[in-house]
Amino acid sequence: MRKILILFLIVIITTSFSSRRIDNNMLLKTWIAVKIDSSNNRTYVSAKEFGNSIGLQFFKDEKIRAQVPTNTSCPSGIKEVKFEIVDGTWSKLSDSVLITSFPLNGKNISERLKILKLTENELIVKLDYKKQRQ
């Protein structure tokens, strides 16, 4: 009986700490950036459209649309940020890691994004520069 209890606790603990699984249905929408911090964490909220914000829009067929600034790499403090909408692709590297790829300034940029939180209205990812593909 004690062995069964220990085995049960091990199973519960391991599944509790396993990677977060990406729910495609919650991911497939438009997300606008509301916070980008110095730890490479990006916080997005669900929106109907990009508006005047950096954003991502995920589609079922692993297509992605991104609204990116064209006149600055960091729009903080810039009064008149100009945006461009670019189309690219996304794929799952694992249950909690995405690879996005889209053209930017004449280059194809690929980013590895670790999903830290995904709810109906909020997406928090960590950009992993070390494992980025060019």
Foldseek 3Di string as FASTA:
>chain_A
DVVVVVVVVVVVVVVVPDAAADDVVLQAAKWFWDDQDPQQKTKTWGDNDHPPGWIWHADDVQKIKTWAFQPDNDCPPPPDTDIDIWIWGKDDPDRFWMWTWTDHPNDIWIWIWGWPDTDNTMTMTGTDPVPTDD
